[in-house]
Amino acid sequence: MSGRRISRRSVHANTIGAAYQIRLDALVGSVEAGNRADLIVLDQIILEVDLHDIHRTNVVLTMMNGQMRHED
């Protein structure tokens, strides 16, 4: 199973797709003007990480409502 990666479709489903399901896609789920700026920055490009190594990805920065909550 080596070499498998998370798909763009999976990222979409867990961001804007999830926000759409709970009818909050006008406020969260994507990075754009007018949204709440809830986001994380990772130390690796998530689309390039092998699924078996994804647990080694670290959160570098967390923002909620545009405010910095965590910075490594």
PDB file of N, CA and C in Angstrom:
ATOM      1  N   MET A   1       0.811  -1.209   0.000  1.00  0.00           N
ATOM      2  CA  MET A   1       0.000   0.000   0.000  1.00  0.00           C
ATOM      3  C   MET A   1       0.852   1.270   0.000  1.00  0.00           C
ATOM      4  N   SER A   2       2.149   1.110  -0.060  1.00  0.00           N
ATOM      5  CA  SER A   2       3.062   2.245  -0.077  1.00  0.00           C
ATOM      6  C   SER A   2       2.779   3.136  -1.284  1.00  0.00           C
ATOM      7  N   GLY A   3       2.968   4.449  -1.105  1.00  0.00           N
ATOM      8  CA  GLY A   3       2.783   5.382  -2.201  1.00  0.00           C
ATOM      9  C   GLY A   3       1.386   5.968  -2.313  1.00  0.00           C
ATOM     10  N   ARG A   4       0.451   5.516  -1.495  1.00  0.00           N
ATOM     11  CA  ARG A   4      -0.904   6.089  -1.545  1.00  0.00           C
ATOM     12  C   ARG A   4      -0.917   7.424  -0.840  1.00  0.00           C
ATOM     13  N   ARG A   5      -1.648   8.359  -1.413  1.00  0.00           N
ATOM     14  CA  ARG A   5      -1.723   9.706  -0.856  1.00  0.00           C
ATOM     15  C   ARG A   5      -3.178  10.120  -0.712  1.00  0.00           C
ATOM     16  N   ILE A   6      -3.393  11.107   0.133  1.00  0.00           N
ATOM     17  CA  ILE A   6      -4.730  11.667   0.301  1.00  0.00           C
ATOM     18  C   ILE A   6      -5.093  12.398  -0.994  1.00  0.00           C
ATOM     19  N   SER A   7      -6.318  12.314  -1.392  1.00  0.00           N
ATOM     20  CA  SER A   7      -6.731  12.932  -2.653  1.00  0.00           C
ATOM     21  C   SER A   7      -7.279  14.339  -2.426  1.00  0.00           C
ATOM     22  N   ARG A   8      -7.252  15.124  -3.479  1.00  0.00           N
ATOM     23  CA  ARG A   8      -7.857  16.463  -3.416  1.00  0.00           C
ATOM     24  C   ARG A   8      -9.342  16.347  -3.095  1.00  0.00           C
ATOM     25  N   ARG A   9      -9.971  15.300  -3.589  1.00  0.00           N
ATOM     26  CA  ARG A   9     -11.386  15.068  -3.317  1.00  0.00           C
ATOM     27  C   ARG A   9     -11.622  14.885  -1.813  1.00  0.00           C
ATOM     28  N   SER A  10     -10.727  14.164  -1.136  1.00  0.00           N
ATOM     29  CA  SER A  10     -10.844  13.961   0.311  1.00  0.00           C
ATOM     30  C   SER A  10     -10.680  15.269   1.067  1.00  0.00           C
ATOM     31  N   VAL A  11      -9.722  16.081   0.647  1.00  0.00           N
ATOM     32  CA  VAL A  11      -9.511  17.382   1.290  1.00  0.00           C
ATOM     33  C   VAL A  11     -10.756  18.245   1.100  1.00  0.00           C
ATOM     34  N   HIS A  12     -11.288  18.267  -0.102  1.00  0.00           N
ATOM     35  CA  HIS A  12     -12.509  19.032  -0.390  1.00  0.00           C
ATOM     36  C   HIS A  12     -13.672  18.542   0.478  1.00  0.00           C
ATOM     37  N   ALA A  13     -13.845  17.241   0.578  1.00  0.00           N
ATOM     38  CA  ALA A  13     -14.945  16.677   1.362  1.00  0.00           C
ATOM     39  C   ALA A  13     -14.851  17.053   2.834  1.00  0.00           C
ATOM     40  N   ASN A  14     -13.636  17.188   3.345  1.00  0.00           N
ATOM     41  CA  ASN A  14     -13.443  17.489   4.763  1.00  0.00           C
ATOM     42  C   ASN A  14     -13.319  18.975   5.066  1.00  0.00           C
ATOM     43  N   THR A  15     -13.417  19.819   4.060  1.00  0.00           N
ATOM     44  CA  THR A  15     -13.355  21.266   4.268  1.00  0.00           C
ATOM     45  C   THR A  15     -14.656  21.897   3.786  1.00  0.00           C
ATOM     46  N   ILE A  16     -14.693  22.343   2.556  1.00  0.00           N
ATOM     47  CA  ILE A  16     -15.884  23.016   2.031  1.00  0.00           C
ATOM     48  C   ILE A  16     -17.076  22.064   1.943  1.00  0.00           C
ATOM     49  N   GLY A  17     -16.821  20.787   1.670  1.00  0.00           N
ATOM     50  CA  GLY A  17     -17.919  19.821   1.606  1.00  0.00           C
ATOM     51  C   GLY A  17     -18.599  19.646   2.954  1.00  0.00           C
ATOM     52  N   ALA A  18     -17.801  19.557   4.015  1.00  0.00           N
ATOM     53  CA  ALA A  18     -18.361  19.423   5.368  1.00  0.00           C
ATOM     54  C   ALA A  18     -19.106  20.696   5.771  1.00  0.00           C
ATOM     55  N   ALA A  19     -18.557  21.861   5.428  1.00  0.00           N
ATOM     56  CA  ALA A  19     -19.220  23.129   5.733  1.00  0.00           C
ATOM     57  C   ALA A  19     -20.553  23.226   5.002  1.00  0.00           C
ATOM     58  N   TYR A  20     -20.589  22.768   3.758  1.00  0.00           N
ATOM     59  CA  TYR A  20     -21.829  22.779   2.975  1.00  0.00           C
ATOM     60  C   TYR A  20     -22.896  21.898   3.626  1.00  0.00           C
ATOM     61  N   GLN A  21     -22.490  20.731   4.104  1.00  0.00           N
ATOM     62  CA  GLN A  21     -23.450  19.810   4.724  1.00  0.00           C
ATOM     63  C   GLN A  21     -24.137  20.418   5.940  1.00  0.00           C
ATOM     64  N   ILE A  22     -23.411  21.247   6.694  1.00  0.00           N
ATOM     65  CA  ILE A  22     -24.025  21.861   7.879  1.00  0.00           C
ATOM     66  C   ILE A  22     -24.498  23.289   7.596  1.00  0.00           C
ATOM     67  N   ARG A  23     -24.567  23.612   6.312  1.00  0.00           N
ATOM     68  CA  ARG A  23     -25.066  24.903   5.826  1.00  0.00           C
ATOM     69  C   ARG A  23     -24.294  26.107   6.381  1.00  0.00           C
ATOM     70  N   LEU A  24     -22.974  25.940   6.521  1.00  0.00           N
ATOM     71  CA  LEU A  24     -22.121  27.039   6.970  1.00  0.00           C
ATOM     72  C   LEU A  24     -21.054  27.391   5.941  1.00  0.00           C
ATOM     73  N   ASP A  25     -21.244  26.944   4.699  1.00  0.00           N
ATOM     74  CA  ASP A  25     -20.238  27.168   3.671  1.00  0.00           C
ATOM     75  C   ASP A  25     -20.044  28.645   3.316  1.00  0.00           C
ATOM     76  N   ALA A  26     -20.950  29.531   3.711  1.00  0.00           N
ATOM     77  CA  ALA A  26     -20.762  30.972   3.499  1.00  0.00           C
ATOM     78  C   ALA A  26     -19.836  31.561   4.559  1.00  0.00           C
ATOM     79  N   LEU A  27     -19.559  30.791   5.636  1.00  0.00           N
ATOM     80  CA  LEU A  27     -18.725  31.288   6.733  1.00  0.00           C
ATOM     81  C   LEU A  27     -17.431  30.526   6.935  1.00  0.00           C
ATOM     82  N   VAL A  28     -17.434  29.229   6.667  1.00  0.00           N
ATOM     83  CA  VAL A  28     -16.259  28.387   6.931  1.00  0.00           C
ATOM     84  C   VAL A  28     -16.046  27.407   5.778  1.00  0.00           C
ATOM     85  N   GLY A  29     -14.915  26.717   5.816  1.00  0.00           N
ATOM     86  CA  GLY A  29     -14.667  25.651   4.844  1.00  0.00           C
ATOM     87  C   GLY A  29     -13.744  26.018   3.712  1.00  0.00           C
ATOM     88  N   SER A  30     -13.521  27.319   3.501  1.00  0.00           N
ATOM     89  CA  SER A  30     -12.610  27.761   2.451  1.00  0.00           C
ATOM     90  C   SER A  30     -11.945  29.060   2.898  1.00  0.00           C
ATOM     91  N   VAL A  31     -10.809  29.344   2.306  1.00  0.00           N
ATOM     92  CA  VAL A  31     -10.077  30.569   2.620  1.00  0.00           C
ATOM     93  C   VAL A  31     -10.457  31.607   1.571  1.00  0.00           C
ATOM     94  N   GLU A  32     -11.295  32.551   1.987  1.00  0.00           N
ATOM     95  CA  GLU A  32     -11.708  33.621   1.091  1.00  0.00           C
ATOM     96  C   GLU A  32     -12.249  34.790   1.906  1.00  0.00           C
ATOM     97  N   ALA A  33     -12.295  35.955   1.298  1.00  0.00           N
ATOM     98  CA  ALA A  33     -12.770  37.166   1.970  1.00  0.00           C
ATOM     99  C   ALA A  33     -14.180  36.938   2.514  1.00  0.00           C
ATOM    100  N   GLY A  34     -14.380  37.338   3.766  1.00  0.00           N
ATOM    101  CA  GLY A  34     -15.682  37.204   4.402  1.00  0.00           C
ATOM    102  C   GLY A  34     -15.838  35.962   5.248  1.00  0.00           C
ATOM    103  N   ASN A  35     -14.980  34.974   5.060  1.00  0.00           N
ATOM    104  CA  ASN A  35     -15.039  33.764   5.886  1.00  0.00           C
ATOM    105  C   ASN A  35     -14.277  33.986   7.189  1.00  0.00           C
ATOM    106  N   ARG A  36     -14.464  33.089   8.140  1.00  0.00           N
ATOM    107  CA  ARG A  36     -13.943  33.253   9.488  1.00  0.00           C
ATOM    108  C   ARG A  36     -12.449  33.088   9.666  1.00  0.00           C
ATOM    109  N   ALA A  37     -11.742  32.622   8.699  1.00  0.00           N
ATOM    110  CA  ALA A  37     -10.292  32.388   8.795  1.00  0.00           C
ATOM    111  C   ALA A  37      -9.968  31.388   9.904  1.00  0.00           C
ATOM    112  N   ASP A  38     -10.666  30.256   9.891  1.00  0.00           N
ATOM    113  CA  ASP A  38     -10.317  29.117  10.737  1.00  0.00           C
ATOM    114  C   ASP A  38      -9.443  28.219   9.874  1.00  0.00           C
ATOM    115  N   LEU A  39      -8.166  28.099  10.226  1.00  0.00           N
ATOM    116  CA  LEU A  39      -7.277  27.303   9.390  1.00  0.00           C
ATOM    117  C   LEU A  39      -6.077  26.807  10.173  1.00  0.00           C
ATOM    118  N   ILE A  40      -5.413  25.829   9.579  1.00  0.00           N
ATOM    119  CA  ILE A  40      -4.151  25.332  10.122  1.00  0.00           C
ATOM    120  C   ILE A  40      -3.111  25.363   9.016  1.00  0.00           C
ATOM    121  N   VAL A  41      -1.854  25.497   9.412  1.00  0.00           N
ATOM    122  CA  VAL A  41      -0.724  25.395   8.504  1.00  0.00           C
ATOM    123  C   VAL A  41       0.073  24.176   8.952  1.00  0.00           C
ATOM    124  N   LEU A  42       0.387  23.310   8.011  1.00  0.00           N
ATOM    125  CA  LEU A  42       1.113  22.075   8.312  1.00  0.00           C
ATOM    126  C   LEU A  42       2.561  22.181   7.850  1.00  0.00           C
ATOM    127  N   ASP A  43       3.415  21.323   8.399  1.00  0.00           N
ATOM    128  CA  ASP A  43       4.831  21.340   8.022  1.00  0.00           C
ATOM    129  C   ASP A  43       5.133  20.519   6.774  1.00  0.00           C
ATOM    130  N   GLN A  44       4.109  19.923   6.192  1.00  0.00           N
ATOM    131  CA  GLN A  44       4.274  19.151   4.963  1.00  0.00           C
ATOM    132  C   GLN A  44       3.102  19.465   4.029  1.00  0.00           C
ATOM    133  N   ILE A  45       3.307  19.249   2.752  1.00  0.00           N
ATOM    134  CA  ILE A  45       2.208  19.407   1.792  1.00  0.00           C
ATOM    135  C   ILE A  45       1.361  18.155   1.893  1.00  0.00           C
ATOM    136  N   ILE A  46       0.180  18.285   2.432  1.00  0.00           N
ATOM    137  CA  ILE A  46      -0.661  17.139   2.788  1.00  0.00           C
ATOM    138  C   ILE A  46      -0.975  16.248   1.588  1.00  0.00           C
ATOM    139  N   LEU A  47      -1.017  16.811   0.390  1.00  0.00           N
ATOM    140  CA  LEU A  47      -1.311  16.024  -0.806  1.00  0.00           C
ATOM    141  C   LEU A  47      -0.112  15.197  -1.275  1.00  0.00           C
ATOM    142  N   GLU A  48       1.055  15.433  -0.699  1.00  0.00           N
ATOM    143  CA  GLU A  48       2.261  14.715  -1.095  1.00  0.00           C
ATOM    144  C   GLU A  48       2.739  13.709  -0.053  1.00  0.00           C
ATOM    145  N   VAL A  49       2.053  13.617   1.069  1.00  0.00           N
ATOM    146  CA  VAL A  49       2.464  12.729   2.160  1.00  0.00           C
ATOM    147  C   VAL A  49       1.851  11.347   1.966  1.00  0.00           C
ATOM    148  N   ASP A  50       2.654  10.304   2.088  1.00  0.00           N
ATOM    149  CA  ASP A  50       2.152   8.932   2.031  1.00  0.00           C
ATOM    150  C   ASP A  50       1.144   8.735   3.169  1.00  0.00           C
ATOM    151  N   LEU A  51       0.037   8.074   2.891  1.00  0.00           N
ATOM    152  CA  LEU A  51      -0.994   7.859   3.912  1.00  0.00           C
ATOM    153  C   LEU A  51      -0.457   7.194   5.173  1.00  0.00           C
ATOM    154  N   HIS A  52       0.550   6.345   5.026  1.00  0.00           N
ATOM    155  CA  HIS A  52       1.110   5.656   6.190  1.00  0.00           C
ATOM    156  C   HIS A  52       2.028   6.555   7.010  1.00  0.00           C
ATOM    157  N   ASP A  53       2.354   7.731   6.492  1.00  0.00           N
ATOM    158  CA  ASP A  53       3.224   8.674   7.194  1.00  0.00           C
ATOM    159  C   ASP A  53       2.506   9.948   7.612  1.00  0.00           C
ATOM    160  N   ILE A  54       1.223  10.043   7.322  1.00  0.00           N
ATOM    161  CA  ILE A  54       0.481  11.277   7.574  1.00  0.00           C
ATOM    162  C   ILE A  54       0.471  11.647   9.065  1.00  0.00           C
ATOM    163  N   HIS A  55       0.589  10.658   9.934  1.00  0.00           N
ATOM    164  CA  HIS A  55       0.609  10.914  11.378  1.00  0.00           C
ATOM    165  C   HIS A  55       1.863  11.673  11.815  1.00  0.00           C
ATOM    166  N   ARG A  56       2.857  11.758  10.954  1.00  0.00           N
ATOM    167  CA  ARG A  56       4.084  12.502  11.262  1.00  0.00           C
ATOM    168  C   ARG A  56       3.972  13.982  10.905  1.00  0.00           C
ATOM    169  N   THR A  57       2.872  14.377  10.293  1.00  0.00           N
ATOM    170  CA  THR A  57       2.654  15.777   9.924  1.00  0.00           C
ATOM    171  C   THR A  57       2.346  16.586  11.174  1.00  0.00           C
ATOM    172  N   ASN A  58       2.995  17.735  11.305  1.00  0.00           N
ATOM    173  CA  ASN A  58       2.817  18.593  12.483  1.00  0.00           C
ATOM    174  C   ASN A  58       2.072  19.867  12.117  1.00  0.00           C
ATOM    175  N   VAL A  59       1.293  20.360  13.059  1.00  0.00           N
ATOM    176  CA  VAL A  59       0.608  21.639  12.898  1.00  0.00           C
ATOM    177  C   VAL A  59       1.584  22.737  13.307  1.00  0.00           C
ATOM    178  N   VAL A  60       1.842  23.660  12.394  1.00  0.00           N
ATOM    179  CA  VAL A  60       2.775  24.756  12.637  1.00  0.00           C
ATOM    180  C   VAL A  60       2.046  25.978  13.180  1.00  0.00           C
ATOM    181  N   LEU A  61       0.816  26.191  12.708  1.00  0.00           N
ATOM    182  CA  LEU A  61       0.051  27.375  13.084  1.00  0.00           C
ATOM    183  C   LEU A  61      -1.435  27.047  13.046  1.00  0.00           C
ATOM    184  N   THR A  62      -2.171  27.585  14.007  1.00  0.00           N
ATOM    185  CA  THR A  62      -3.634  27.433  14.032  1.00  0.00           C
ATOM    186  C   THR A  62      -4.259  28.809  14.198  1.00  0.00           C
ATOM    187  N   MET A  63      -5.266  29.096  13.373  1.00  0.00           N
ATOM    188  CA  MET A  63      -6.024  30.345  13.493  1.00  0.00           C
ATOM    189  C   MET A  63      -7.503  30.015  13.636  1.00  0.00           C
ATOM    190  N   MET A  64      -8.162  30.763  14.502  1.00  0.00           N
ATOM    191  CA  MET A  64      -9.619  30.664  14.658  1.00  0.00           C
ATOM    192  C   MET A  64     -10.180  32.076  14.630  1.00  0.00           C
ATOM    193  N   ASN A  65     -11.171  32.288  13.784  1.00  0.00           N
ATOM    194  CA  ASN A  65     -11.760  33.610  13.605  1.00  0.00           C
ATOM    195  C   ASN A  65     -10.705  34.669  13.318  1.00  0.00           C
ATOM    196  N   GLY A  66      -9.658  34.290  12.587  1.00  0.00           N
ATOM    197  CA  GLY A  66      -8.612  35.224  12.221  1.00  0.00           C
ATOM    198  C   GLY A  66      -7.609  35.519  13.317  1.00  0.00           C
ATOM    199  N   GLN A  67      -7.752  34.899  14.466  1.00  0.00           N
ATOM    200  CA  GLN A  67      -6.839  35.114  15.589  1.00  0.00           C
ATOM    201  C   GLN A  67      -5.888  33.930  15.722  1.00  0.00           C
ATOM    202  N   MET A  68      -4.606  34.206  15.910  1.00  0.00           N
ATOM    203  CA  MET A  68      -3.617  33.167  16.103  1.00  0.00           C
ATOM    204  C   MET A  68      -3.884  32.475  17.446  1.00  0.00           C
ATOM    205  N   ARG A  69      -4.035  31.148  17.396  1.00  0.00           N
ATOM    206  CA  ARG A  69      -4.284  30.358  18.617  1.00  0.00           C
ATOM    207  C   ARG A  69      -3.094  29.483  18.983  1.00  0.00           C
ATOM    208  N   HIS A  70      -2.303  29.134  17.982  1.00  0.00           N
ATOM    209  CA  HIS A  70      -1.127  28.289  18.224  1.00  0.00           C
ATOM    210  C   HIS A  70      -0.089  28.590  17.159  1.00  0.00           C
ATOM    211  N   GLU A  71       1.153  28.732  17.591  1.00  0.00           N
ATOM    212  CA  GLU A  71       2.252  28.884  16.638  1.00  0.00           C
ATOM    213  C   GLU A  71       3.440  28.117  17.178  1.00  0.00           C
ATOM    214  N   ASP A  72       3.963  27.239  16.353  1.00  0.00           N
ATOM    215  CA  ASP A  72       5.086  26.402  16.767  1.00  0.00           C
ATOM    216  C   ASP A  72       6.391  27.032  16.349  1.00  0.00           C
TER     217      ASP A  72
END
